[in-house]
Amino acid sequence: MGKLSSTVIMLVSALLATGALSARSFAADLAEAAQAAAKEAAEKAAMGMFPLKPYAGAKGFASYAPDGDLYTPGTGRTKFFEYNIGWNAAAFGGVTAGDFVKLQLDTGYISNSISNLSGVDGGSGSIAAAYVMGGVILSAPLSPLTKKVIPFAGISIGAAFPVIGTINGTIDGQDFTIKGNQSTVGALLARGGVTIAINSKLGATLEYGFFQTADFSLSTTDSLSSSGNASTDMTAHLFGVGFEYHF
């Protein structure tokens, strides 16, 4: 009986000791979480209701440009440009304003070479543009617990700077050329995608973008436009990957 009592007492003591250790460990975890929350709250309080935290990154895209129009005073707007798959490279930077809003500045270069000119023999050339844009991006994690997968969507507006490689062809047996005639034009970039958090600072992005410029003027030879003037715009669907780093 004495041995049984001793065994029971030892088991109870061991259980109590284990429970005490677990309680201390749980209390330590709670204290650590509370300290982290207090630190984050203090940082937000020090920085205001919407703390601004900088970030930057870079992206690379494949650019699909649908058939483009050409406007001439004599014939109006007609389908004219057919493009190869092109490319787009971009760098960006900005600040997060709170948990769900980003204010972002983008700069990049987009280019699509011409595969064919409708109704023209031997058409060749390229249409490209550099751009600078500012905009707003909204983002939120799929799970507030993990914050690993973060969908986003946004829109930016700004300026594009057309870079028109000389476009050549032959129509009705007469050679013609098209050249750029405008240095700056308005542009828009709408985007959506997902950021996958690699760690607390670095993320990888998968993104779709829609790029559109306003019409910009071109100069042509008489065989294409009797006035020597024409215009077109630039439209592209962008599919790419990138990374962003939060400081």
C-alpha atoms as a PDB file:
ATOM      1  CA  MET A   1       0.000   0.000   0.000  1.00  0.00           C
ATOM      2  CA  GLY A   2       2.841   2.340   0.857  1.00  0.00           C
ATOM      3  CA  LYS A   3       4.543   1.677  -2.483  1.00  0.00           C
ATOM      4  CA  LEU A   4       1.283   2.337  -4.361  1.00  0.00           C
ATOM      5  CA  SER A   5       0.775   5.626  -2.539  1.00  0.00           C
ATOM      6  CA  SER A   6       4.328   6.664  -3.340  1.00  0.00           C
ATOM      7  CA  THR A   7       3.824   5.818  -7.014  1.00  0.00           C
ATOM      8  CA  VAL A   8       0.573   7.788  -7.163  1.00  0.00           C
ATOM      9  CA  ILE A   9       2.201  10.746  -5.456  1.00  0.00           C
ATOM     10  CA  MET A  10       5.103  10.641  -7.931  1.00  0.00           C
ATOM     11  CA  LEU A  11       2.739  10.491 -10.926  1.00  0.00           C
ATOM     12  CA  VAL A  12       0.664  13.388  -9.614  1.00  0.00           C
ATOM     13  CA  SER A  13       3.820  15.396  -8.964  1.00  0.00           C
ATOM     14  CA  ALA A  14       5.077  14.692 -12.489  1.00  0.00           C
ATOM     15  CA  LEU A  15       1.744  15.726 -14.008  1.00  0.00           C
ATOM     16  CA  LEU A  16       1.690  18.895 -11.946  1.00  0.00           C
ATOM     17  CA  ALA A  17       5.251  19.697 -12.983  1.00  0.00           C
ATOM     18  CA  THR A  18       4.426  19.076 -16.655  1.00  0.00           C
ATOM     19  CA  GLY A  19       1.323  21.237 -16.364  1.00  0.00           C
ATOM     20  CA  ALA A  20       3.332  23.985 -14.736  1.00  0.00           C
ATOM     21  CA  LEU A  21       5.912  23.865 -17.529  1.00  0.00           C
ATOM     22  CA  SER A  22       3.167  23.948 -20.177  1.00  0.00           C
ATOM     23  CA  ALA A  23       1.484  26.845 -18.422  1.00  0.00           C
ATOM     24  CA  ARG A  24       4.769  28.739 -18.220  1.00  0.00           C
ATOM     25  CA  SER A  25       5.456  28.035 -21.927  1.00  0.00           C
ATOM     26  CA  PHE A  26       1.951  29.164 -22.903  1.00  0.00           C
ATOM     27  CA  ALA A  27       2.297  32.257 -20.755  1.00  0.00           C
ATOM     28  CA  ALA A  28       5.658  33.004 -22.384  1.00  0.00           C
ATOM     29  CA  ASP A  29       4.097  32.653 -25.859  1.00  0.00           C
ATOM     30  CA  LEU A  30       1.262  34.965 -24.861  1.00  0.00           C
ATOM     31  CA  ALA A  31       3.709  37.475 -23.443  1.00  0.00           C
ATOM     32  CA  GLU A  32       5.806  37.372 -26.625  1.00  0.00           C
ATOM     33  CA  ALA A  33       2.710  37.834 -28.804  1.00  0.00           C
ATOM     34  CA  ALA A  34       1.538  40.689 -26.593  1.00  0.00           C
ATOM     35  CA  GLN A  35       4.946  42.359 -26.823  1.00  0.00           C
ATOM     36  CA  ALA A  36       4.932  42.021 -30.630  1.00  0.00           C
ATOM     37  CA  ALA A  37       1.407  43.449 -30.830  1.00  0.00           C
ATOM     38  CA  ALA A  38       2.344  46.293 -28.503  1.00  0.00           C
ATOM     39  CA  LYS A  39       5.448  47.041 -30.583  1.00  0.00           C
ATOM     40  CA  GLU A  40       3.413  47.085 -33.811  1.00  0.00           C
ATOM     41  CA  ALA A  41       0.770  49.288 -32.193  1.00  0.00           C
ATOM     42  CA  ALA A  42       3.464  51.660 -30.936  1.00  0.00           C
ATOM     43  CA  GLU A  43       5.021  51.853 -34.410  1.00  0.00           C
ATOM     44  CA  LYS A  44       1.641  52.623 -35.974  1.00  0.00           C
ATOM     45  CA  ALA A  45       0.883  55.207 -33.313  1.00  0.00           C
ATOM     46  CA  ALA A  46       4.245  56.856 -33.888  1.00  0.00           C
ATOM     47  CA  MET A  47       3.713  56.908 -37.663  1.00  0.00           C
ATOM     48  CA  GLY A  48       0.052  57.936 -37.591  1.00  0.00           C
ATOM     49  CA  MET A  49      -3.158  56.130 -38.483  1.00  0.00           C
ATOM     50  CA  PHE A  50      -1.830  55.104 -41.918  1.00  0.00           C
ATOM     51  CA  PRO A  51       1.895  54.353 -41.541  1.00  0.00           C
ATOM     52  CA  LEU A  52       3.894  54.767 -44.755  1.00  0.00           C
ATOM     53  CA  LYS A  53       6.422  51.989 -45.330  1.00  0.00           C
ATOM     54  CA  PRO A  54       8.579  51.984 -48.492  1.00  0.00           C
ATOM     55  CA  TYR A  55       9.009  49.107 -50.933  1.00  0.00           C
ATOM     56  CA  ALA A  56      10.521  48.579 -54.400  1.00  0.00           C
ATOM     57  CA  GLY A  57      10.842  45.886 -57.038  1.00  0.00           C
ATOM     58  CA  ALA A  58      11.095  44.891 -60.692  1.00  0.00           C
ATOM     59  CA  LYS A  59       9.010  42.889 -63.170  1.00  0.00           C
ATOM     60  CA  GLY A  60       9.304  41.274 -66.582  1.00  0.00           C
ATOM     61  CA  PHE A  61       6.357  40.640 -68.912  1.00  0.00           C
ATOM     62  CA  ALA A  62       5.409  39.042 -72.198  1.00  0.00           C
ATOM     63  CA  SER A  63       3.428  41.608 -74.196  1.00  0.00           C
ATOM     64  CA  TYR A  64       0.542  40.557 -76.423  1.00  0.00           C
ATOM     65  CA  ALA A  65      -0.667  43.436 -78.612  1.00  0.00           C
ATOM     66  CA  PRO A  66      -3.936  42.931 -80.531  1.00  0.00           C
ATOM     67  CA  ASP A  67      -4.213  44.247 -84.090  1.00  0.00           C
ATOM     68  CA  GLY A  68      -3.793  48.017 -84.078  1.00  0.00           C
ATOM     69  CA  ASP A  69      -5.713  50.721 -85.936  1.00  0.00           C
ATOM     70  CA  LEU A  70      -4.309  53.398 -88.211  1.00  0.00           C
ATOM     71  CA  TYR A  71      -6.232  56.629 -88.654  1.00  0.00           C
ATOM     72  CA  THR A  72      -5.732  58.752 -91.767  1.00  0.00           C
ATOM     73  CA  PRO A  73      -7.857  61.787 -92.738  1.00  0.00           C
ATOM     74  CA  GLY A  74      -8.819  60.215 -96.066  1.00  0.00           C
ATOM     75  CA  THR A  75      -9.888  56.722 -94.983  1.00  0.00           C
ATOM     76  CA  GLY A  76     -10.651  57.079 -91.280  1.00  0.00           C
ATOM     77  CA  ARG A  77      -9.731  54.359 -88.778  1.00  0.00           C
ATOM     78  CA  THR A  78      -8.904  50.896 -90.140  1.00  0.00           C
ATOM     79  CA  LYS A  79      -7.190  47.765 -88.828  1.00  0.00           C
ATOM     80  CA  PHE A  80      -3.612  48.037 -90.024  1.00  0.00           C
ATOM     81  CA  PHE A  81      -0.901  46.840 -87.609  1.00  0.00           C
ATOM     82  CA  GLU A  82      -0.357  43.166 -86.754  1.00  0.00           C
ATOM     83  CA  TYR A  83       2.170  42.470 -84.002  1.00  0.00           C
ATOM     84  CA  ASN A  84       4.502  39.751 -82.813  1.00  0.00           C
ATOM     85  CA  ILE A  85       4.625  38.844 -79.124  1.00  0.00           C
ATOM     86  CA  GLY A  86       6.753  41.510 -77.466  1.00  0.00           C
ATOM     87  CA  TRP A  87       8.159  42.285 -74.044  1.00  0.00           C
ATOM     88  CA  ASN A  88       7.890  44.735 -71.181  1.00  0.00           C
ATOM     89  CA  ALA A  89      10.378  45.446 -68.382  1.00  0.00           C
ATOM     90  CA  ALA A  90       9.452  47.633 -65.430  1.00  0.00           C
ATOM     91  CA  ALA A  91      10.763  48.897 -62.106  1.00  0.00           C
ATOM     92  CA  PHE A  92       8.549  50.268 -59.373  1.00  0.00           C
ATOM     93  CA  GLY A  93       8.594  51.728 -55.912  1.00  0.00           C
ATOM     94  CA  GLY A  94       6.142  53.128 -53.441  1.00  0.00           C
ATOM     95  CA  VAL A  95       4.781  53.105 -49.933  1.00  0.00           C
ATOM     96  CA  THR A  96       2.165  51.028 -48.156  1.00  0.00           C
ATOM     97  CA  ALA A  97      -0.481  53.230 -46.541  1.00  0.00           C
ATOM     98  CA  GLY A  98      -1.958  51.070 -43.805  1.00  0.00           C
ATOM     99  CA  ASP A  99      -2.586  47.368 -44.327  1.00  0.00           C
ATOM    100  CA  PHE A 100      -4.465  47.370 -47.636  1.00  0.00           C
ATOM    101  CA  VAL A 101      -3.386  50.353 -49.761  1.00  0.00           C
ATOM    102  CA  LYS A 102      -0.235  50.924 -51.811  1.00  0.00           C
ATOM    103  CA  LEU A 103       0.765  54.164 -53.514  1.00  0.00           C
ATOM    104  CA  GLN A 104       3.044  53.138 -56.374  1.00  0.00           C
ATOM    105  CA  LEU A 105       5.202  54.739 -59.076  1.00  0.00           C
ATOM    106  CA  ASP A 106       6.024  52.612 -62.155  1.00  0.00           C
ATOM    107  CA  THR A 107       8.529  53.194 -64.928  1.00  0.00           C
ATOM    108  CA  GLY A 108       9.147  50.817 -67.797  1.00  0.00           C
ATOM    109  CA  TYR A 109       9.576  50.095 -71.484  1.00  0.00           C
ATOM    110  CA  ILE A 110       7.234  48.082 -73.703  1.00  0.00           C
ATOM    111  CA  SER A 111       7.945  46.949 -77.266  1.00  0.00           C
ATOM    112  CA  ASN A 112       6.160  44.962 -79.983  1.00  0.00           C
ATOM    113  CA  SER A 113       7.610  44.385 -83.442  1.00  0.00           C
ATOM    114  CA  ILE A 114       5.321  44.388 -86.475  1.00  0.00           C
ATOM    115  CA  SER A 115       4.640  41.037 -88.126  1.00  0.00           C
ATOM    116  CA  ASN A 116       2.453  42.366 -90.935  1.00  0.00           C
ATOM    117  CA  LEU A 117       0.657  45.457 -92.218  1.00  0.00           C
ATOM    118  CA  SER A 118      -2.865  44.814 -93.509  1.00  0.00           C
ATOM    119  CA  GLY A 119      -3.148  45.254 -97.288  1.00  0.00           C
ATOM    120  CA  VAL A 120       0.553  46.038 -97.595  1.00  0.00           C
ATOM    121  CA  ASP A 121       3.481  44.144 -99.105  1.00  0.00           C
ATOM    122  CA  GLY A 122       6.594  43.634 -96.988  1.00  0.00           C
ATOM    123  CA  GLY A 123       5.510  45.549 -93.902  1.00  0.00           C
ATOM    124  CA  SER A 124       8.100  45.829 -91.117  1.00  0.00           C
ATOM    125  CA  GLY A 125       9.029  47.993 -88.140  1.00  0.00           C
ATOM    126  CA  SER A 126       8.212  48.297 -84.452  1.00  0.00           C
ATOM    127  CA  ILE A 127       6.122  50.336 -82.050  1.00  0.00           C
ATOM    128  CA  ALA A 128       7.380  50.819 -78.494  1.00  0.00           C
ATOM    129  CA  ALA A 129       7.023  53.220 -75.597  1.00  0.00           C
ATOM    130  CA  ALA A 130       8.703  54.193 -72.367  1.00  0.00           C
ATOM    131  CA  TYR A 131       6.341  55.232 -69.578  1.00  0.00           C
ATOM    132  CA  VAL A 132       6.104  56.738 -66.104  1.00  0.00           C
ATOM    133  CA  MET A 133       2.903  56.279 -64.088  1.00  0.00           C
ATOM    134  CA  GLY A 134       1.558  56.722 -60.596  1.00  0.00           C
ATOM    135  CA  GLY A 135      -1.390  54.922 -59.081  1.00  0.00           C
ATOM    136  CA  VAL A 136      -3.152  53.099 -56.276  1.00  0.00           C
ATOM    137  CA  ILE A 137      -3.097  49.356 -55.571  1.00  0.00           C
ATOM    138  CA  LEU A 138      -5.457  47.613 -53.155  1.00  0.00           C
ATOM    139  CA  SER A 139      -4.349  44.331 -51.590  1.00  0.00           C
ATOM    140  CA  ALA A 140      -5.453  41.982 -48.819  1.00  0.00           C
ATOM    141  CA  PRO A 141      -4.225  38.531 -47.713  1.00  0.00           C
ATOM    142  CA  LEU A 142      -6.474  35.538 -48.369  1.00  0.00           C
ATOM    143  CA  SER A 143      -5.931  34.533 -44.733  1.00  0.00           C
ATOM    144  CA  PRO A 144      -5.279  37.106 -41.994  1.00  0.00           C
ATOM    145  CA  LEU A 145      -3.380  34.395 -40.097  1.00  0.00           C
ATOM    146  CA  THR A 146      -0.775  33.407 -42.694  1.00  0.00           C
ATOM    147  CA  LYS A 147      -0.585  36.521 -44.910  1.00  0.00           C
ATOM    148  CA  LYS A 148       1.309  34.385 -47.431  1.00  0.00           C
ATOM    149  CA  VAL A 149      -0.955  34.776 -50.482  1.00  0.00           C
ATOM    150  CA  ILE A 150      -2.003  38.366 -51.151  1.00  0.00           C
ATOM    151  CA  PRO A 151      -4.272  39.209 -54.131  1.00  0.00           C
ATOM    152  CA  PHE A 152      -4.080  42.766 -55.459  1.00  0.00           C
ATOM    153  CA  ALA A 153      -5.656  45.037 -58.067  1.00  0.00           C
ATOM    154  CA  GLY A 154      -4.967  48.606 -59.052  1.00  0.00           C
ATOM    155  CA  ILE A 155      -4.873  51.317 -61.669  1.00  0.00           C
ATOM    156  CA  SER A 156      -2.220  53.846 -62.674  1.00  0.00           C
ATOM    157  CA  ILE A 157      -2.176  56.811 -65.033  1.00  0.00           C
ATOM    158  CA  GLY A 158       0.688  58.836 -66.417  1.00  0.00           C
ATOM    159  CA  ALA A 159       2.712  59.595 -69.519  1.00  0.00           C
ATOM    160  CA  ALA A 160       4.032  57.367 -72.302  1.00  0.00           C
ATOM    161  CA  PHE A 161       6.804  58.335 -74.702  1.00  0.00           C
ATOM    162  CA  PRO A 162       6.299  56.585 -78.071  1.00  0.00           C
ATOM    163  CA  VAL A 163       9.379  55.165 -79.766  1.00  0.00           C
ATOM    164  CA  ILE A 164       8.466  54.374 -83.373  1.00  0.00           C
ATOM    165  CA  GLY A 165      11.019  52.467 -85.401  1.00  0.00           C
ATOM    166  CA  THR A 166      10.658  53.469 -89.065  1.00  0.00           C
ATOM    167  CA  ILE A 167       7.808  51.398 -90.516  1.00  0.00           C
ATOM    168  CA  ASN A 168       8.166  50.465 -94.185  1.00  0.00           C
ATOM    169  CA  GLY A 169       5.985  48.793 -96.783  1.00  0.00           C
ATOM    170  CA  THR A 170       4.653  48.910-100.322  1.00  0.00           C
ATOM    171  CA  ILE A 171       1.071  49.711-101.283  1.00  0.00           C
ATOM    172  CA  ASP A 172      -0.205  49.761-104.871  1.00  0.00           C
ATOM    173  CA  GLY A 173       3.388  49.446-106.043  1.00  0.00           C
ATOM    174  CA  GLN A 174       4.547  52.538-104.146  1.00  0.00           C
ATOM    175  CA  ASP A 175       6.901  52.473-101.171  1.00  0.00           C
ATOM    176  CA  PHE A 176       5.894  54.287 -98.012  1.00  0.00           C
ATOM    177  CA  THR A 177       7.285  55.006 -94.559  1.00  0.00           C
ATOM    178  CA  ILE A 178       5.676  55.813 -91.207  1.00  0.00           C
ATOM    179  CA  LYS A 179       7.556  57.657 -88.484  1.00  0.00           C
ATOM    180  CA  GLY A 180       6.713  58.859 -85.008  1.00  0.00           C
ATOM    181  CA  ASN A 181       5.650  62.477 -84.720  1.00  0.00           C
ATOM    182  CA  GLN A 182       4.731  62.923 -81.032  1.00  0.00           C
ATOM    183  CA  SER A 183       6.978  62.729 -77.983  1.00  0.00           C
ATOM    184  CA  THR A 184       4.457  62.372 -75.129  1.00  0.00           C
ATOM    185  CA  VAL A 185       0.959  60.945 -74.755  1.00  0.00           C
ATOM    186  CA  GLY A 186      -1.347  59.990 -71.885  1.00  0.00           C
ATOM    187  CA  ALA A 187      -1.428  56.336 -70.800  1.00  0.00           C
ATOM    188  CA  LEU A 188      -3.220  53.986 -68.424  1.00  0.00           C
ATOM    189  CA  LEU A 189      -2.193  50.724 -66.764  1.00  0.00           C
ATOM    190  CA  ALA A 190      -4.733  48.483 -65.012  1.00  0.00           C
ATOM    191  CA  ARG A 191      -3.446  45.434 -63.167  1.00  0.00           C
ATOM    192  CA  GLY A 192      -4.370  42.465 -61.051  1.00  0.00           C
ATOM    193  CA  GLY A 193      -2.484  39.537 -59.606  1.00  0.00           C
ATOM    194  CA  VAL A 194      -1.156  37.895 -56.501  1.00  0.00           C
ATOM    195  CA  THR A 195       1.892  38.370 -54.289  1.00  0.00           C
ATOM    196  CA  ILE A 196       3.353  35.298 -52.594  1.00  0.00           C
ATOM    197  CA  ALA A 197       5.272  36.211 -49.442  1.00  0.00           C
ATOM    198  CA  ILE A 198       8.682  34.514 -49.318  1.00  0.00           C
ATOM    199  CA  ASN A 199       9.478  36.079 -45.952  1.00  0.00           C
ATOM    200  CA  SER A 200       8.493  39.213 -44.032  1.00  0.00           C
ATOM    201  CA  LYS A 201      10.470  41.429 -46.442  1.00  0.00           C
ATOM    202  CA  LEU A 202      10.473  39.726 -49.851  1.00  0.00           C
ATOM    203  CA  GLY A 203       7.607  38.677 -52.105  1.00  0.00           C
ATOM    204  CA  ALA A 204       7.197  37.174 -55.587  1.00  0.00           C
ATOM    205  CA  THR A 205       4.438  38.506 -57.843  1.00  0.00           C
ATOM    206  CA  LEU A 206       2.344  37.027 -60.645  1.00  0.00           C
ATOM    207  CA  GLU A 207       0.592  39.788 -62.567  1.00  0.00           C
ATOM    208  CA  TYR A 208      -1.676  40.599 -65.505  1.00  0.00           C
ATOM    209  CA  GLY A 209      -1.667  44.152 -66.828  1.00  0.00           C
ATOM    210  CA  PHE A 210      -3.650  46.076 -69.432  1.00  0.00           C
ATOM    211  CA  PHE A 211      -1.693  48.924 -71.034  1.00  0.00           C
ATOM    212  CA  GLN A 212      -3.363  51.601 -73.162  1.00  0.00           C
ATOM    213  CA  THR A 213      -2.223  54.922 -74.586  1.00  0.00           C
ATOM    214  CA  ALA A 214      -4.213  57.734 -76.123  1.00  0.00           C
ATOM    215  CA  ASP A 215      -3.794  58.295 -79.872  1.00  0.00           C
ATOM    216  CA  PHE A 216      -0.430  59.725 -80.919  1.00  0.00           C
ATOM    217  CA  SER A 217       0.422  61.323 -84.246  1.00  0.00           C
ATOM    218  CA  LEU A 218       2.507  59.820 -87.048  1.00  0.00           C
ATOM    219  CA  SER A 219       3.984  61.222 -90.237  1.00  0.00           C
ATOM    220  CA  THR A 220       3.603  59.248 -93.486  1.00  0.00           C
ATOM    221  CA  THR A 221       4.430  59.504 -97.164  1.00  0.00           C
ATOM    222  CA  ASP A 222       1.756  60.585 -99.659  1.00  0.00           C
ATOM    223  CA  SER A 223       1.095  57.050-100.908  1.00  0.00           C
ATOM    224  CA  LEU A 224      -0.461  56.159 -97.542  1.00  0.00           C
ATOM    225  CA  SER A 225      -2.012  59.489 -96.530  1.00  0.00           C
ATOM    226  CA  SER A 226      -2.474  62.423 -98.886  1.00  0.00           C
ATOM    227  CA  SER A 227      -2.023  64.846 -95.989  1.00  0.00           C
ATOM    228  CA  GLY A 228       1.107  63.108 -94.712  1.00  0.00           C
ATOM    229  CA  ASN A 229      -0.544  62.727 -91.297  1.00  0.00           C
ATOM    230  CA  ALA A 230      -1.859  59.695 -89.436  1.00  0.00           C
ATOM    231  CA  SER A 231      -2.312  58.457 -85.884  1.00  0.00           C
ATOM    232  CA  THR A 232      -2.544  55.270 -83.860  1.00  0.00           C
ATOM    233  CA  ASP A 233      -2.543  54.128 -80.257  1.00  0.00           C
ATOM    234  CA  MET A 234      -0.836  51.356 -78.326  1.00  0.00           C
ATOM    235  CA  THR A 235      -2.697  48.540 -76.570  1.00  0.00           C
ATOM    236  CA  ALA A 236      -1.090  45.551 -74.859  1.00  0.00           C
ATOM    237  CA  HIS A 237      -1.991  42.691 -72.552  1.00  0.00           C
ATOM    238  CA  LEU A 238       0.904  41.957 -70.197  1.00  0.00           C
ATOM    239  CA  PHE A 239       1.619  38.658 -68.438  1.00  0.00           C
ATOM    240  CA  GLY A 240       4.583  38.536 -66.109  1.00  0.00           C
ATOM    241  CA  VAL A 241       6.417  37.807 -62.893  1.00  0.00           C
ATOM    242  CA  GLY A 242       8.484  39.925 -60.553  1.00  0.00           C
ATOM    243  CA  PHE A 243       9.567  40.546 -57.002  1.00  0.00           C
ATOM    244  CA  GLU A 244       9.127  43.264 -54.409  1.00  0.00           C
ATOM    245  CA  TYR A 245      11.137  44.093 -51.302  1.00  0.00           C
ATOM    246  CA  HIS A 246       9.707  45.888 -48.271  1.00  0.00           C
ATOM    247  CA  PHE A 247      12.186  47.981 -46.310  1.00  0.00           C
END
